[in-house]
Amino acid sequence: MISPLAYVDASAKIGANVIVHPFAYIDKNVEIGDDCEIMPHASIMSGTRMGKRNRIFNCAVIAAEPQDFNYKGGDTIVEIGDDNVIRENVVINRATNPEGKTVIGNGNFLHEGVHVSHDTHVGNHCVFGYGSKISGNCMIEDYVIFGGNVLVSQGCRVGTWSMTQTGCRFRKDVPPYIVAALEPTTYYGVNSVILMHEGMSEKIIKHIGHAYRIIYQGNTSVFDALLMIKDQVPMSGEIQHIIDFINVSKLGIIK
């Protein structure tokens, strides 16, 4: 199932039932799991570690050299899990240093023109819209949604079940369970429609809304807001995650 018109390095490890279309390029030091499909003109570069059932579309580049002046050459890694769809012209850079890695989890959908830079970690079941760009050393949790042309600055963290609307750009962390919108990017409310659609209880969603009213409308410091949340909002895994996310934020959260 490998076209004779594709280039596949003899040392590449290719799993069962992998389809490699004409003019695809698979470099040395590559591992591709079972049931993947590599479309024409896709480039799977050295350092790729790919799981099962991934579809890599035309002109995507996986494990491109990092666009980082600290990169000194050598073998570094991109790890891609299972069941991802990586559409046309997506670029994913491998890590800058051998002790690091760029990670794409399971079940993600990267639309055309998305760029994921070096040492960024993407969780599971995320959707990145057309042309979104994620800088290096970012941390994207599970179930994150970006509209088109979202720009994420170096080292930002994006919390689970958050949605960032088209055209946003941000240099601070986006907390979990919210909608981020406007320019400059700001808190726009709880991502309640998606949370309800995915089965979260109305009670928990109300508690999340209460927590964010304290943070964003409480006219107090973030430190004091977190103390108030602990006193006023019934504790759950979701509320604890909000507290933990903000507590470890190095860049601060969006306004």
Protein backbone atom coordinates (compact mmCIF):
# COMPACT_ATOMS: atom_id res chain seq x y z
CA MET A 1 0.00 0.00 0.00
CA ILE A 2 3.05 2.24 -0.50
CA SER A 3 3.14 3.91 -3.90
CA PRO A 4 6.33 3.31 -5.88
CA LEU A 5 6.25 7.05 -6.62
CA ALA A 6 6.64 7.90 -2.91
CA TYR A 7 10.03 8.22 -1.22
CA VAL A 8 10.30 6.08 1.94
CA ASP A 9 13.69 5.79 3.62
CA ALA A 10 14.74 2.18 4.09
CA SER A 11 15.18 2.69 7.85
CA ALA A 12 11.67 4.10 8.43
CA LYS A 13 9.40 1.86 10.50
CA ILE A 14 5.99 1.59 8.84
CA GLY A 15 3.10 -0.25 10.52
CA ALA A 16 0.46 -2.50 9.00
CA ASN A 17 -2.08 -1.23 6.45
CA VAL A 18 -0.41 2.17 6.05
CA ILE A 19 -1.29 3.94 2.81
CA VAL A 20 1.43 6.16 1.36
CA HIS A 21 0.29 8.06 -1.73
CA PRO A 22 2.48 9.13 -4.68
CA PHE A 23 5.02 11.86 -4.02
CA ALA A 24 4.84 11.61 -0.25
CA TYR A 25 8.21 11.86 1.53
CA ILE A 26 9.09 9.74 4.57
CA ASP A 27 12.51 10.43 6.08
CA LYS A 28 14.88 8.31 8.13
CA ASN A 29 14.31 8.01 11.90
CA VAL A 30 10.52 7.86 11.44
CA GLU A 31 7.96 5.55 13.04
CA ILE A 32 4.41 5.36 11.70
CA GLY A 33 1.77 3.19 13.38
CA ASP A 34 -0.87 0.97 11.82
CA ASP A 35 -3.66 2.18 9.53
CA CYS A 36 -2.29 5.67 8.88
CA GLU A 37 -2.70 7.46 5.55
CA ILE A 38 -0.08 9.82 4.13
CA MET A 39 -1.40 11.95 1.27
CA PRO A 40 0.53 13.17 -1.81
CA HIS A 41 3.31 15.68 -1.14
CA ALA A 42 3.10 15.30 2.65
CA SER A 43 6.53 15.26 4.33
CA ILE A 44 7.14 13.09 7.37
CA MET A 45 10.55 14.23 8.56
CA SER A 46 13.19 12.71 10.82
CA GLY A 47 12.07 12.55 14.45
CA THR A 48 8.43 11.67 13.82
CA ARG A 49 6.82 9.17 16.20
CA MET A 50 3.28 8.62 14.97
CA GLY A 51 0.59 6.38 16.41
CA LYS A 52 -2.32 4.67 14.68
CA ARG A 53 -5.08 5.75 12.30
CA ASN A 54 -3.74 9.24 11.59
CA ARG A 55 -4.50 10.99 8.29
CA ILE A 56 -1.86 13.42 7.06
CA PHE A 57 -3.03 15.55 4.14
CA ASN A 58 -1.29 17.15 1.16
CA CYS A 59 1.75 19.35 1.80
CA ALA A 60 1.67 18.94 5.58
CA VAL A 61 5.13 18.85 7.18
CA ILE A 62 5.56 16.77 10.32
CA ALA A 63 8.71 17.17 12.46
CA ALA A 64 10.10 20.16 10.60
CA GLU A 65 13.23 21.62 12.17
CA PRO A 66 12.34 23.99 15.03
CA GLN A 67 12.21 27.67 14.16
CA ASP A 68 14.26 28.51 17.22
CA PHE A 69 17.69 30.15 17.31
CA ASN A 70 18.57 27.87 20.24
CA TYR A 71 18.37 24.81 18.00
CA LYS A 72 21.87 23.44 17.45
CA GLY A 73 21.00 20.59 15.11
CA GLY A 74 20.67 16.93 15.91
CA ASP A 75 17.79 14.53 16.34
CA THR A 76 14.76 15.74 18.25
CA ILE A 77 11.23 14.39 18.44
CA VAL A 78 7.58 14.96 17.61
CA GLU A 79 5.17 12.51 19.22
CA ILE A 80 1.74 12.18 17.59
CA GLY A 81 -0.89 9.93 19.14
CA ASP A 82 -3.80 8.14 17.47
CA ASP A 83 -6.78 9.19 15.33
CA ASN A 84 -5.61 12.69 14.42
CA VAL A 85 -6.57 14.53 11.23
CA ILE A 86 -3.85 16.88 10.03
CA ARG A 87 -5.03 18.82 7.01
CA GLU A 88 -3.25 20.54 4.12
CA ASN A 89 -0.21 22.75 4.75
CA VAL A 90 -0.06 22.08 8.49
CA VAL A 91 3.45 22.44 9.95
CA ILE A 92 4.46 20.78 13.20
CA ASN A 93 7.98 21.52 14.46
CA ARG A 94 9.95 19.03 16.48
CA ALA A 95 11.61 19.91 19.80
CA THR A 96 14.56 22.26 20.14
CA ASN A 97 16.60 20.03 22.47
CA PRO A 98 16.93 16.23 22.74
CA GLU A 99 15.49 16.22 26.27
CA GLY A 100 12.29 17.90 25.07
CA LYS A 101 9.58 16.95 22.60
CA THR A 102 6.63 18.35 20.74
CA VAL A 103 3.47 16.37 21.51
CA ILE A 104 0.12 16.03 19.73
CA GLY A 105 -2.27 13.76 21.64
CA ASN A 106 -5.22 11.73 20.33
CA GLY A 107 -8.25 12.64 18.24
CA ASN A 108 -7.24 16.18 17.30
CA PHE A 109 -8.30 18.00 14.12
CA LEU A 110 -5.87 20.55 12.71
CA HIS A 111 -7.40 22.55 9.86
CA GLU A 112 -5.51 23.84 6.84
CA GLY A 113 -2.50 26.04 7.55
CA VAL A 114 -2.20 25.40 11.30
CA HIS A 115 1.31 25.72 12.73
CA VAL A 116 2.34 24.05 16.00
CA SER A 117 5.80 25.19 17.06
CA HIS A 118 8.62 23.48 18.93
CA ASP A 119 8.10 21.90 22.36
CA THR A 120 4.38 22.67 22.44
CA HIS A 121 2.15 20.03 24.03
CA VAL A 122 -1.37 19.57 22.65
CA GLY A 123 -3.78 17.33 24.56
CA ASN A 124 -6.64 15.25 23.17
CA HIS A 125 -9.71 16.07 21.05
CA CYS A 126 -8.75 19.65 20.23
CA VAL A 127 -9.88 21.52 17.11
CA PHE A 128 -7.68 24.26 15.63
CA GLY A 129 -9.30 26.39 12.94
CA TYR A 130 -7.82 27.54 9.63
CA GLY A 131 -4.47 29.29 9.86
CA SER A 132 -4.12 29.22 13.65
CA LYS A 133 -0.53 29.57 14.87
CA ILE A 134 0.74 28.23 18.18
CA SER A 135 4.17 29.42 19.29
CA GLY A 136 6.79 27.34 21.06
CA ASN A 137 6.59 25.92 24.58
CA CYS A 138 2.81 26.27 24.83
CA MET A 139 0.54 23.89 26.74
CA ILE A 140 -2.90 23.18 25.26
CA GLU A 141 -5.16 21.02 27.42
CA ASP A 142 -7.88 18.62 26.20
CA TYR A 143 -11.01 19.63 24.25
CA VAL A 144 -9.75 23.11 23.31
CA ILE A 145 -11.35 24.83 20.31
CA PHE A 146 -9.76 27.64 18.28
CA GLY A 147 -11.55 29.53 15.54
CA GLY A 148 -9.59 30.54 12.47
CA ASN A 149 -6.39 32.59 12.60
CA VAL A 150 -5.91 32.42 16.36
CA LEU A 151 -2.39 33.49 17.37
CA VAL A 152 -0.92 32.06 20.57
CA SER A 153 2.23 33.66 21.97
CA GLN A 154 5.27 31.83 23.36
CA GLY A 155 4.71 29.82 26.52
CA CYS A 156 0.96 30.33 26.86
CA ARG A 157 -1.33 27.77 28.46
CA VAL A 158 -4.91 27.13 27.30
CA GLY A 159 -7.32 25.39 29.64
CA THR A 160 -9.58 22.46 28.89
CA TRP A 161 -12.98 22.98 27.26
CA SER A 162 -12.17 26.59 26.39
CA MET A 163 -13.13 28.18 23.09
CA THR A 164 -11.17 31.03 21.52
CA GLN A 165 -13.00 32.88 18.79
CA THR A 166 -11.68 33.63 15.31
CA GLY A 167 -8.95 36.24 14.98
CA CYS A 168 -7.95 36.38 18.64
CA ARG A 169 -4.33 36.73 19.68
CA PHE A 170 -3.11 36.46 23.24
CA ARG A 171 0.04 36.58 25.36
CA LYS A 172 -1.49 35.37 28.62
CA ASP A 173 -3.11 32.10 29.68
CA VAL A 174 -6.71 31.23 28.76
CA PRO A 175 -8.40 29.55 31.76
CA PRO A 176 -10.51 26.39 31.39
CA TYR A 177 -14.23 26.24 30.51
CA ILE A 178 -14.48 29.78 29.10
CA VAL A 179 -15.05 31.61 25.83
CA ALA A 180 -12.26 34.03 24.91
CA ALA A 181 -13.10 36.74 22.39
CA LEU A 182 -12.57 40.31 21.15
CA GLU A 183 -9.37 42.32 20.69
CA PRO A 184 -7.53 42.45 22.99
CA THR A 185 -8.56 38.91 23.90
CA THR A 186 -10.74 38.91 27.03
CA TYR A 187 -13.01 36.68 29.06
CA TYR A 188 -16.38 36.50 27.29
CA GLY A 189 -18.30 34.08 29.51
CA VAL A 190 -18.51 30.39 30.31
CA ASN A 191 -18.44 27.94 27.39
CA SER A 192 -21.82 26.70 28.57
CA VAL A 193 -23.29 25.56 25.23
CA ILE A 194 -20.44 23.14 24.57
CA LEU A 195 -20.28 22.01 28.20
CA MET A 196 -24.01 21.20 28.26
CA HIS A 197 -23.77 19.48 24.88
CA GLU A 198 -21.00 17.26 26.27
CA GLY A 199 -23.05 16.29 29.32
CA MET A 200 -21.81 18.54 32.11
CA SER A 201 -24.52 19.16 34.67
CA GLU A 202 -26.29 22.51 34.85
CA LYS A 203 -25.31 22.78 38.51
CA ILE A 204 -21.59 22.47 37.79
CA ILE A 205 -21.85 24.99 34.95
CA LYS A 206 -23.51 27.46 37.34
CA HIS A 207 -20.71 26.91 39.83
CA ILE A 208 -18.12 27.58 37.11
CA GLY A 209 -19.97 30.80 36.22
CA HIS A 210 -19.98 31.84 39.87
CA ALA A 211 -16.25 31.24 40.13
CA TYR A 212 -15.50 33.37 37.09
CA ARG A 213 -17.77 36.19 38.28
CA ILE A 214 -15.64 36.34 41.42
CA ILE A 215 -12.43 36.39 39.35
CA TYR A 216 -13.49 38.85 36.67
CA GLN A 217 -16.17 40.98 38.35
CA GLY A 218 -15.23 40.75 42.01
CA ASN A 219 -13.12 43.94 42.05
CA THR A 220 -10.34 42.17 43.91
CA SER A 221 -6.96 40.59 43.21
CA VAL A 222 -6.77 37.17 41.61
CA PHE A 223 -5.17 35.83 44.80
CA ASP A 224 -8.10 37.02 46.92
CA ALA A 225 -10.58 35.84 44.28
CA LEU A 226 -9.27 32.29 44.56
CA LEU A 227 -9.67 32.42 48.34
CA MET A 228 -13.25 33.62 47.89
CA ILE A 229 -13.96 30.80 45.44
CA LYS A 230 -12.83 28.26 48.02
CA ASP A 231 -15.19 29.85 50.57
CA GLN A 232 -18.20 30.53 48.35
CA VAL A 233 -18.32 27.96 45.53
CA PRO A 234 -19.06 24.24 46.16
CA MET A 235 -15.91 22.30 45.38
CA SER A 236 -15.75 19.92 42.44
CA GLY A 237 -13.10 18.64 40.09
CA GLU A 238 -13.87 21.48 37.68
CA ILE A 239 -13.62 24.22 40.33
CA GLN A 240 -10.40 22.75 41.68
CA HIS A 241 -8.99 22.68 38.14
CA ILE A 242 -9.75 26.40 37.72
CA ILE A 243 -7.97 27.16 41.00
CA ASP A 244 -4.97 24.99 40.16
CA PHE A 245 -4.69 26.37 36.61
CA ILE A 246 -4.60 29.97 37.80
CA ASN A 247 -2.30 29.24 40.75
CA VAL A 248 0.47 27.90 38.50
CA SER A 249 0.07 30.51 35.76
CA LYS A 250 3.39 32.24 35.04
CA LEU A 251 2.05 34.72 32.50
CA GLY A 252 -1.20 35.53 34.26
CA ILE A 253 -4.65 35.04 32.76
CA ILE A 254 -6.43 37.06 30.09
CA LYS A 255 -8.37 40.10 31.34
